């Protein structure tokens, strides 16, 4: 079920009304919320809704058992079992084909040829591949798996107690606004809100939620969809057919499309949760305004970058075990972060690139006597140069992320360096306008949006309502027919 659809509107109105109508019946209210979340997820596939429930039950039981154990070795074994169970499930659905076709088969093929049994290998492949092709990747499995693991690990480290009941934990894991594409909300943030659901005494912040939802719809339905259909998709589908200018426009288009698309989902998720009385942390904070790549990752998909920091980078040793170990930890963290995004060499290379660049960036800033984090007193010319540079570093890394295979990557890079800057098929006033708007909407991101909202509280509600209605009319008038799935649904 997609956010900007009539079916979701009917679903949300129903759940919203019942959620607040049953305030006096907290137990029934919790069951209603879980049923609504499972219906939302099961709208795509009921069998995977059952898998979501199984994940909630298993991880909660493990967390409760961990909390009762006192023996350190026993607790560690149980934690390893839980992490392995979660990763095995994720690995089966997401990485079976990649491991089989791209890693195992290339390794064993020379052996079968050398021993004269190539026919056996061909027969085995013909048997196995149809079975692998039947494996369907559950929507959002990476997100709820990471949430489940963080819950178990936090209980293991005694940062939080286990949930009061499996019902509370299931509501935390399956909460529909963030279920299929994040943010990856920590148990320490959302679980207490599920245990003590919001009452009518809680200020709903409905105007702020409405503006978040409308801003998300604008970014997704107007900007991201246009950039996708007019720039990114045509260029990445057949880069050889375009000039260097058009390939560059396609890269810029996808750079802004993925930001507008994913931040739109986060905006809508945060707004929808606010209307239900729940609070999520921000997930984007103007990432393309970053001056360094490290700063970019503090602003982009914040819930994932902090998850990787707290549950992978720091347990590996972080930056406390010397310069070279720090570089290795950074590289491994982003390598696995790339693999998390997708089962393919392009994603692995994308993660490796970011890990290598971050290590080199730290080394370069240290050798130049610059602070690890950009200073707020940096002069504006240097800040602008830094922003332009990092924007292009990230933009060209997206080539790996977006391309279907390495041949597409090679064709795009060849087109960019081939100096075929002839007549452009894609350049137009509308193209430039959409790219500028796509970049500029960052002014309404994260901290800036919070400051804007604090100022707007002095504006009469009637004025805000007119502005909201006007924005909705613009969205409905300019949005193309049909709704494209959010990019991060595939992860």
Protein backbone atom coordinates (compact mmCIF):
# COMPACT_ATOMS: atom_id res chain seq x y z
CA UNK A 1 0.00 0.00 0.00
CA UNK A 2 1.55 3.30 -1.08
CA UNK A 3 1.14 6.55 0.86
CA UNK A 4 -0.10 8.82 -1.97
CA UNK A 5 -3.05 6.60 -2.94
CA UNK A 6 -6.79 6.58 -2.30
CA UNK A 7 -6.58 3.15 -0.64
CA UNK A 8 -4.10 4.44 1.94
CA UNK A 9 -6.27 7.51 2.60
CA UNK A 10 -9.26 5.26 3.40
CA UNK A 11 -7.06 2.97 5.52
CA UNK A 12 -5.50 5.82 7.49
CA UNK A 13 -8.78 7.64 8.16
CA UNK A 14 -10.23 4.41 9.54
CA UNK A 15 -7.24 3.58 11.74
CA UNK A 16 -6.87 7.20 12.88
CA UNK A 17 -10.51 7.41 13.97
CA UNK A 18 -10.54 4.05 15.79
CA UNK A 19 -7.15 4.73 17.39
CA UNK A 20 -8.42 7.86 19.10
CA UNK A 21 -11.92 6.54 19.73
CA UNK A 22 -10.53 3.61 21.78
CA UNK A 23 -8.41 5.73 24.13
CA UNK A 24 -10.37 4.37 27.08
CA UNK A 25 -9.65 0.76 26.08
CA UNK A 26 -5.82 0.58 25.95
CA UNK A 27 -5.54 -3.19 25.41
CA UNK A 28 -8.07 -3.21 22.57
CA UNK A 29 -6.40 -0.12 21.16
CA UNK A 30 -3.04 -1.91 20.97
CA UNK A 31 -4.59 -4.89 19.21
CA UNK A 32 -6.31 -2.53 16.75
CA UNK A 33 -3.02 -0.80 15.94
CA UNK A 34 -1.27 -4.12 15.36
CA UNK A 35 -4.13 -5.36 13.18
CA UNK A 36 -3.99 -2.13 11.18
CA UNK A 37 -0.23 -2.39 10.69
CA UNK A 38 -0.49 -6.03 9.62
CA UNK A 39 -3.29 -5.16 7.21
CA UNK A 40 -1.12 -2.36 5.77
CA UNK A 41 1.75 -4.80 5.25
CA UNK A 42 -0.49 -7.71 4.25
CA UNK A 43 -2.12 -5.56 1.58
CA UNK A 44 0.96 -6.53 -0.43
CA UNK A 45 1.37 -10.13 0.82
CA UNK A 46 -0.34 -11.78 3.78
CA UNK A 47 2.21 -14.59 4.02
CA UNK A 48 4.96 -12.07 4.73
CA UNK A 49 2.77 -10.41 7.35
CA UNK A 50 2.93 -13.77 9.11
CA UNK A 51 6.73 -13.67 8.86
CA UNK A 52 6.70 -10.22 10.46
CA UNK A 53 4.69 -11.57 13.40
CA UNK A 54 7.09 -14.51 13.74
CA UNK A 55 10.03 -12.10 13.81
CA UNK A 56 8.35 -10.05 16.55
CA UNK A 57 7.62 -13.11 18.71
CA UNK A 58 11.08 -14.66 18.30
CA UNK A 59 13.04 -11.48 19.00
CA UNK A 60 10.90 -10.54 21.99
CA UNK A 61 11.22 -13.98 23.56
CA UNK A 62 14.98 -13.89 23.07
CA UNK A 63 15.15 -10.40 24.62
CA UNK A 64 13.14 -11.50 27.67
CA UNK A 65 15.35 -14.57 28.08
CA UNK A 66 18.49 -12.44 27.72
CA UNK A 67 17.29 -10.06 30.39
CA UNK A 68 16.83 -12.93 32.87
CA UNK A 69 20.20 -14.55 32.21
CA UNK A 70 23.11 -13.60 34.46
CA UNK A 71 25.89 -15.74 33.04
CA UNK A 72 27.91 -13.62 30.59
CA UNK A 73 28.86 -16.52 28.30
CA UNK A 74 25.29 -17.78 28.09
CA UNK A 75 23.99 -14.29 27.34
CA UNK A 76 26.54 -13.88 24.55
CA UNK A 77 25.55 -17.23 22.98
CA UNK A 78 21.87 -16.27 23.02
CA UNK A 79 22.64 -12.86 21.51
CA UNK A 80 24.69 -14.46 18.74
CA UNK A 81 21.83 -16.88 18.04
CA UNK A 82 19.33 -14.01 17.72
CA UNK A 83 21.59 -11.96 15.44
CA UNK A 84 22.35 -15.03 13.31
CA UNK A 85 18.65 -15.89 13.02
CA UNK A 86 17.80 -12.38 11.87
CA UNK A 87 20.69 -12.19 9.41
CA UNK A 88 19.94 -15.69 8.06
CA UNK A 89 16.35 -14.70 7.28
CA UNK A 90 17.50 -11.49 5.64
CA UNK A 91 20.25 -13.33 3.78
CA UNK A 92 17.93 -16.01 2.42
CA UNK A 93 15.47 -13.58 0.89
CA UNK A 94 17.90 -10.88 -0.17
CA UNK A 95 21.22 -12.52 -0.99
CA UNK A 96 20.55 -16.10 -2.12
CA UNK A 97 20.74 -15.29 -5.82
CA UNK A 98 23.76 -13.04 -5.47
CA UNK A 99 25.70 -15.59 -3.42
CA UNK A 100 24.79 -18.42 -5.79
CA UNK A 101 25.09 -16.78 -9.21
CA UNK A 102 27.73 -14.12 -8.61
CA UNK A 103 30.02 -15.78 -6.07
CA UNK A 104 29.62 -19.58 -5.74
CA UNK A 105 29.13 -20.48 -9.42
CA UNK A 106 32.11 -18.45 -10.73
CA UNK A 107 34.30 -20.09 -8.06
CA UNK A 108 33.30 -23.69 -8.72
CA UNK A 109 32.91 -23.48 -12.52
CA UNK A 110 36.68 -23.89 -13.24
CA UNK A 111 36.75 -26.96 -10.97
CA UNK A 112 33.92 -28.68 -12.84
CA UNK A 113 35.50 -27.82 -16.21
CA UNK A 114 38.91 -29.09 -15.06
CA UNK A 115 37.45 -32.40 -13.88
CA UNK A 116 35.39 -32.82 -17.06
CA UNK A 117 32.01 -32.52 -15.33
CA UNK A 118 30.84 -29.22 -16.82
CA UNK A 119 27.59 -30.92 -17.89
CA UNK A 120 26.77 -31.68 -14.24
CA UNK A 121 27.26 -28.03 -13.35
CA UNK A 122 24.99 -26.90 -16.20
CA UNK A 123 22.32 -29.38 -15.14
CA UNK A 124 22.56 -28.25 -11.52
CA UNK A 125 22.29 -24.60 -12.49
CA UNK A 126 19.25 -25.31 -14.67
CA UNK A 127 17.63 -26.96 -11.66
CA UNK A 128 18.58 -24.45 -8.98
CA UNK A 129 18.05 -21.11 -10.74
CA UNK A 130 14.27 -21.54 -11.29
CA UNK A 131 13.93 -22.23 -7.57
CA UNK A 132 16.00 -19.18 -6.67
CA UNK A 133 13.97 -16.99 -9.03
CA UNK A 134 10.83 -17.91 -7.06
CA UNK A 135 12.23 -16.26 -3.91
CA UNK A 136 10.36 -12.97 -3.44
CA UNK A 137 12.02 -10.21 -1.42
CA UNK A 138 9.61 -9.05 1.31
CA UNK A 139 9.10 -5.29 1.24
CA UNK A 140 10.97 -3.53 4.04
CA UNK A 141 12.65 -6.68 5.39
CA UNK A 142 15.97 -4.85 5.84
CA UNK A 143 14.32 -2.13 7.92
CA UNK A 144 12.36 -4.28 10.36
CA UNK A 145 15.24 -6.78 10.64
CA UNK A 146 17.61 -3.99 11.68
CA UNK A 147 15.05 -2.71 14.20
CA UNK A 148 14.63 -6.20 15.67
CA UNK A 149 18.40 -6.69 15.96
CA UNK A 150 18.93 -3.30 17.58
CA UNK A 151 16.27 -4.17 20.17
CA UNK A 152 17.95 -7.48 21.06
CA UNK A 153 21.40 -5.88 21.18
CA UNK A 154 20.20 -3.01 23.37
CA UNK A 155 18.69 -5.51 25.81
CA UNK A 156 21.92 -7.55 25.69
CA UNK A 157 23.99 -4.43 26.49
CA UNK A 158 21.42 -3.57 29.20
CA UNK A 159 20.70 -0.20 27.61
CA UNK A 160 16.95 -0.85 27.73
CA UNK A 161 14.67 -3.39 29.44
CA UNK A 162 12.66 -5.77 27.27
CA UNK A 163 9.19 -4.69 26.20
CA UNK A 164 6.38 -5.20 28.70
CA UNK A 165 4.67 -7.63 26.36
CA UNK A 166 5.06 -9.20 22.94
CA UNK A 167 2.09 -7.07 21.84
CA UNK A 168 3.98 -3.86 22.62
CA UNK A 169 7.06 -5.07 20.81
CA UNK A 170 5.03 -6.24 17.80
CA UNK A 171 3.46 -2.78 17.57
CA UNK A 172 6.92 -1.23 17.71
CA UNK A 173 8.28 -3.51 14.98
CA UNK A 174 5.24 -3.39 12.69
CA UNK A 175 4.13 0.24 13.14
CA UNK A 176 2.87 1.02 9.64
CA UNK A 177 4.20 4.58 8.99
CA UNK A 178 7.84 3.45 9.08
CA UNK A 179 7.48 -0.27 8.40
CA UNK A 180 8.52 -0.62 4.76
CA UNK A 181 11.09 2.17 4.25
CA UNK A 182 12.07 3.58 7.61
CA UNK A 183 13.16 5.61 9.45
CA UNK A 184 14.82 2.84 11.49
CA UNK A 185 13.37 3.97 14.81
CA UNK A 186 15.17 2.69 17.91
CA UNK A 187 13.30 0.74 20.56
CA UNK A 188 14.43 3.30 23.15
CA UNK A 189 12.54 5.99 21.20
CA UNK A 190 9.34 4.26 20.09
CA UNK A 191 8.80 1.30 22.44
CA UNK A 192 7.90 3.46 25.49
CA UNK A 193 5.32 5.22 23.30
CA UNK A 194 3.82 1.83 22.42
CA UNK A 195 3.72 0.73 26.05
CA UNK A 196 2.05 3.98 27.12
CA UNK A 197 0.00 5.03 24.11
CA UNK A 198 -0.77 8.72 23.65
CA UNK A 199 -3.93 10.04 25.27
CA UNK A 200 -6.15 12.97 24.35
CA UNK A 201 -4.05 15.17 26.63
CA UNK A 202 -1.18 14.88 24.14
CA UNK A 203 -0.88 17.81 21.75
CA UNK A 204 -1.20 16.31 18.26
CA UNK A 205 0.70 19.03 16.36
CA UNK A 206 -1.73 18.45 13.51
CA UNK A 207 -0.69 21.54 11.49
CA UNK A 208 2.97 20.49 11.60
CA UNK A 209 2.04 16.92 10.63
CA UNK A 210 -0.07 18.21 7.75
CA UNK A 211 2.76 20.35 6.41
CA UNK A 212 5.19 17.42 6.67
CA UNK A 213 2.82 15.19 4.73
CA UNK A 214 2.17 17.82 2.06
CA UNK A 215 5.87 18.57 1.71
CA UNK A 216 6.51 14.84 1.33
CA UNK A 217 3.82 14.53 -1.32
CA UNK A 218 5.26 17.51 -3.17
CA UNK A 219 8.79 16.09 -3.16
CA UNK A 220 7.63 12.63 -4.22
CA UNK A 221 4.78 13.24 -6.66
CA UNK A 222 6.10 16.37 -8.34
CA UNK A 223 9.89 16.47 -8.14
CA UNK A 224 11.06 12.87 -7.71
CA UNK A 225 8.62 11.42 -10.22
CA UNK A 226 9.48 14.05 -12.84
CA UNK A 227 13.24 13.64 -12.40
CA UNK A 228 12.82 9.88 -12.62
CA UNK A 229 10.72 9.75 -15.78
CA UNK A 230 12.43 12.60 -17.68
CA UNK A 231 16.09 12.27 -16.66
CA UNK A 232 17.28 9.35 -14.53
CA UNK A 233 15.32 6.42 -15.96
CA UNK A 234 15.96 7.18 -19.67
CA UNK A 235 19.69 7.82 -19.19
CA UNK A 236 20.39 4.82 -16.96
CA UNK A 237 18.29 2.55 -19.17
CA UNK A 238 20.34 3.33 -22.29
CA UNK A 239 23.30 5.65 -21.57
CA UNK A 240 24.92 4.92 -24.94
CA UNK A 241 22.08 6.79 -26.66
CA UNK A 242 22.86 10.10 -24.94
CA UNK A 243 25.53 12.76 -25.14
CA UNK A 244 27.83 13.61 -22.26
CA UNK A 245 25.61 16.57 -21.32
CA UNK A 246 22.56 14.33 -21.08
CA UNK A 247 24.38 11.68 -19.05
CA UNK A 248 25.48 14.40 -16.64
CA UNK A 249 21.87 15.61 -16.40
CA UNK A 250 20.76 12.03 -15.77
CA UNK A 251 23.28 11.70 -12.92
CA UNK A 252 22.16 15.02 -11.42
CA UNK A 253 18.55 13.93 -11.89
CA UNK A 254 19.01 10.70 -9.96
CA UNK A 255 21.05 12.47 -7.26
CA UNK A 256 18.11 14.75 -6.51
CA UNK A 257 15.47 12.11 -7.25
CA UNK A 258 16.71 9.70 -4.58
CA UNK A 259 16.92 12.52 -2.04
CA UNK A 260 13.43 13.84 -2.80
CA UNK A 261 11.98 10.33 -2.98
CA UNK A 262 13.41 8.98 0.25
CA UNK A 263 13.15 12.16 2.32
CA UNK A 264 9.55 12.41 1.11
CA UNK A 265 8.78 8.99 2.57
CA UNK A 266 10.42 10.02 5.85
CA UNK A 267 8.44 13.28 5.93
CA UNK A 268 5.15 11.49 5.34
CA UNK A 269 6.00 8.77 7.87
CA UNK A 270 6.88 11.33 10.55
CA UNK A 271 3.73 13.34 9.77
CA UNK A 272 1.42 10.32 9.82
CA UNK A 273 2.96 9.14 13.11
CA UNK A 274 2.45 12.63 14.58
CA UNK A 275 -1.25 12.48 13.75
CA UNK A 276 -1.38 9.17 15.64
CA UNK A 277 0.37 10.81 18.59
CA UNK A 278 3.83 9.26 18.08
CA UNK A 279 7.13 11.05 17.60
CA UNK A 280 9.96 9.96 15.29
CA UNK A 281 13.41 11.58 15.08
CA UNK A 282 14.26 13.41 11.85
CA UNK A 283 15.85 11.29 9.13
CA UNK A 284 17.22 13.94 6.74
CA UNK A 285 18.86 17.28 7.41
CA UNK A 286 19.80 18.95 4.10
CA UNK A 287 22.44 16.34 3.14
CA UNK A 288 23.60 18.11 -0.03
CA UNK A 289 24.54 21.15 2.04
CA UNK A 290 27.35 19.09 3.60
CA UNK A 291 30.94 20.31 3.29
CA UNK A 292 32.55 16.91 3.92
CA UNK A 293 31.44 13.34 3.24
CA UNK A 294 31.42 12.65 6.97
CA UNK A 295 28.98 15.53 7.40
CA UNK A 296 26.89 14.16 4.52
CA UNK A 297 26.43 10.89 6.40
CA UNK A 298 25.41 12.80 9.51
CA UNK A 299 22.63 14.37 7.44
CA UNK A 300 21.58 11.55 5.05
CA UNK A 301 19.33 8.69 6.22
CA UNK A 302 20.33 9.55 9.78
CA UNK A 303 18.60 6.54 11.30
CA UNK A 304 20.68 4.13 9.17
CA UNK A 305 24.01 5.96 9.51
CA UNK A 306 23.66 6.12 13.30
CA UNK A 307 22.57 2.45 13.34
CA UNK A 308 25.71 1.46 11.44
CA UNK A 309 27.79 3.59 13.80
CA UNK A 310 26.32 2.21 17.03
CA UNK A 311 25.86 -1.45 16.08
CA UNK A 312 28.75 -2.03 13.68
CA UNK A 313 31.45 0.66 13.68
CA UNK A 314 31.73 1.08 17.47
CA UNK A 315 31.58 -2.68 18.25
CA UNK A 316 34.38 -3.15 15.69
CA UNK A 317 36.48 -0.76 17.75
CA UNK A 318 35.50 2.60 16.28
CA UNK A 319 38.31 5.12 16.30
CA UNK A 320 39.89 4.04 19.60
CA UNK A 321 42.36 1.46 18.30
CA UNK A 322 44.73 3.48 16.17
CA UNK A 323 44.65 5.19 12.78
CA UNK A 324 44.86 2.10 10.59
CA UNK A 325 42.29 0.15 12.59
CA UNK A 326 39.96 3.16 12.35
CA UNK A 327 40.32 3.16 8.57
CA UNK A 328 39.63 -0.56 8.40
CA UNK A 329 36.57 -0.17 10.63
CA UNK A 330 35.24 2.66 8.45
CA UNK A 331 35.81 0.63 5.31
CA UNK A 332 34.10 -2.49 6.69
CA UNK A 333 31.16 -0.49 8.04
CA UNK A 334 30.40 1.13 4.70
CA UNK A 335 31.16 -2.02 2.75
CA UNK A 336 28.49 -3.84 4.75
CA UNK A 337 26.27 -0.76 4.50
CA UNK A 338 26.50 -1.01 0.72
CA UNK A 339 25.65 -4.70 0.87
CA UNK A 340 22.67 -3.88 3.10
CA UNK A 341 21.26 -1.73 0.32
CA UNK A 342 21.37 -4.43 -2.31
CA UNK A 343 22.76 -7.79 -3.36
CA UNK A 344 25.12 -6.84 -6.17
CA UNK A 345 28.67 -5.78 -6.93
CA UNK A 346 27.54 -2.23 -7.72
CA UNK A 347 26.22 -1.80 -4.16
CA UNK A 348 29.35 -3.34 -2.66
CA UNK A 349 31.58 -1.01 -4.69
CA UNK A 350 29.37 1.94 -3.73
CA UNK A 351 29.86 1.13 -0.04
CA UNK A 352 33.59 0.51 -0.54
CA UNK A 353 33.95 3.88 -2.28
CA UNK A 354 32.36 5.72 0.64
CA UNK A 355 34.46 3.82 3.17
CA UNK A 356 37.69 4.59 1.29
CA UNK A 357 36.80 8.24 0.72
CA UNK A 358 35.95 8.78 4.40
CA UNK A 359 39.32 7.35 5.43
CA UNK A 360 41.18 9.53 2.91
CA UNK A 361 39.13 12.56 3.93
CA UNK A 362 40.10 12.15 7.57
CA UNK A 363 43.74 11.74 6.62
CA UNK A 364 43.68 14.78 4.33
CA UNK A 365 41.97 17.06 6.85
CA UNK A 366 44.40 15.93 9.56
CA UNK A 367 47.45 16.61 7.36
CA UNK A 368 46.10 20.07 6.48
CA UNK A 369 45.45 20.90 10.12
CA UNK A 370 41.69 21.06 9.62
CA UNK A 371 39.22 19.84 12.28
CA UNK A 372 37.58 16.48 11.69
CA UNK A 373 34.17 18.18 11.61
CA UNK A 374 33.62 21.37 9.56
CA UNK A 375 33.55 24.49 11.71
CA UNK A 376 30.53 26.78 11.75
CA UNK A 377 32.99 29.66 11.28
CA UNK A 378 34.20 28.36 7.89
CA UNK A 379 34.25 31.25 5.43
CA UNK A 380 31.45 31.18 2.90
CA UNK A 381 33.70 30.79 -0.20
CA UNK A 382 35.30 27.66 1.30
CA UNK A 383 31.90 26.37 2.41
CA UNK A 384 30.48 26.79 -1.11
CA UNK A 385 33.48 25.05 -2.68
CA UNK A 386 33.15 22.23 -0.16
CA UNK A 387 29.44 21.83 -0.86
CA UNK A 388 29.93 21.75 -4.62
CA UNK A 389 32.74 19.20 -4.28
CA UNK A 390 30.87 16.86 -1.92
CA UNK A 391 27.69 17.14 -3.98
CA UNK A 392 29.62 15.85 -6.99
CA UNK A 393 31.43 13.16 -4.99
CA UNK A 394 28.07 11.82 -3.82
CA UNK A 395 26.44 12.33 -7.22
CA UNK A 396 29.04 10.26 -9.05
CA UNK A 397 28.90 7.56 -6.37
CA UNK A 398 25.17 7.26 -7.09
CA UNK A 399 26.15 5.97 -10.55
CA UNK A 400 27.17 2.72 -8.86
CA UNK A 401 24.05 2.72 -6.73
CA UNK A 402 21.60 3.27 -9.58
CA UNK A 403 23.18 1.18 -12.35
CA UNK A 404 21.81 -2.31 -12.96
CA UNK A 405 25.26 -3.76 -13.63
CA UNK A 406 28.90 -2.85 -14.11
CA UNK A 407 28.46 -2.54 -17.87
CA UNK A 408 26.02 0.33 -17.29
CA UNK A 409 28.53 1.94 -14.93
CA UNK A 410 31.28 1.63 -17.55
CA UNK A 411 29.08 3.11 -20.30
CA UNK A 412 28.06 6.08 -18.16
CA UNK A 413 31.62 6.84 -17.05
CA UNK A 414 32.86 6.49 -20.63
CA UNK A 415 30.17 8.87 -21.79
CA UNK A 416 31.11 11.44 -19.16
CA UNK A 417 34.83 11.42 -19.95
CA UNK A 418 34.34 11.00 -23.70
CA UNK A 419 33.75 14.73 -24.15
CA UNK A 420 30.76 14.13 -26.42
CA UNK A 421 29.24 17.45 -25.36
CA UNK A 422 27.11 17.89 -28.42
CA UNK A 423 23.44 18.74 -28.68
CA UNK A 424 21.45 17.84 -25.59
CA UNK A 425 18.15 15.96 -25.92
CA UNK A 426 17.14 16.56 -22.30
CA UNK A 427 18.04 20.16 -21.49
CA UNK A 428 15.13 22.57 -21.19
CA UNK A 429 13.85 25.35 -18.97
CA UNK A 430 11.69 22.83 -17.13
CA UNK A 431 14.68 20.52 -16.58
CA UNK A 432 16.74 23.31 -15.02
CA UNK A 433 13.76 24.43 -12.92
CA UNK A 434 13.11 20.93 -11.54
CA UNK A 435 16.78 20.42 -10.68
CA UNK A 436 16.91 23.78 -8.89
CA UNK A 437 13.69 23.09 -6.98
CA UNK A 438 14.86 19.57 -6.13
CA UNK A 439 18.02 20.98 -4.58
CA UNK A 440 16.30 23.92 -2.91
CA UNK A 441 13.68 21.92 -0.98
CA UNK A 442 16.48 21.03 1.41
CA UNK A 443 15.79 24.40 3.03
CA UNK A 444 12.69 22.71 4.49
CA UNK A 445 14.62 19.75 5.90
CA UNK A 446 15.31 18.67 9.45
CA UNK A 447 16.42 21.48 11.79
CA UNK A 448 15.31 24.15 9.31
CA UNK A 449 11.80 22.73 9.27
CA UNK A 450 11.71 22.77 13.08
CA UNK A 451 12.78 26.42 13.15
CA UNK A 452 10.24 27.26 10.43
CA UNK A 453 7.50 25.58 12.41
CA UNK A 454 8.38 27.46 15.60
CA UNK A 455 7.98 30.73 13.69
CA UNK A 456 4.82 29.60 11.93
CA UNK A 457 3.08 28.90 15.26
CA UNK A 458 2.47 32.64 15.46
CA UNK A 459 0.56 32.52 12.16
CA UNK A 460 -3.24 32.10 12.47
CA UNK A 461 -4.47 28.55 11.85
CA UNK A 462 -6.79 29.80 9.12
CA UNK A 463 -3.82 31.16 7.15
CA UNK A 464 -1.94 27.89 7.53
CA UNK A 465 -5.02 26.00 6.37
CA UNK A 466 -5.23 28.14 3.22
CA UNK A 467 -1.54 27.56 2.51
CA UNK A 468 -1.96 23.81 3.02
CA UNK A 469 -4.98 23.74 0.72
CA UNK A 470 -3.10 25.71 -1.93
CA UNK A 471 -0.13 23.31 -1.78
CA UNK A 472 -2.45 20.32 -2.07
CA UNK A 473 -4.14 21.85 -5.13
CA UNK A 474 -0.72 22.43 -6.74
CA UNK A 475 0.30 18.83 -6.04
CA UNK A 476 -2.89 17.39 -7.47
CA UNK A 477 -2.71 19.64 -10.52
CA UNK A 478 0.94 18.95 -11.39
CA UNK A 479 1.33 15.34 -10.30
CA UNK A 480 1.46 12.79 -13.15
CA UNK A 481 -1.06 10.00 -13.43
CA UNK A 482 -0.27 6.92 -11.37
CA UNK A 483 2.04 6.53 -8.39
CA UNK A 484 5.61 5.29 -8.70
CA UNK A 485 6.84 3.12 -5.80
CA UNK A 486 9.31 4.68 -3.41
CA UNK A 487 12.92 3.82 -4.26
CA UNK A 488 13.72 2.39 -0.83
CA UNK A 489 10.89 -0.18 -1.02
CA UNK A 490 13.39 -2.45 -2.78
CA UNK A 491 15.74 -2.41 0.20
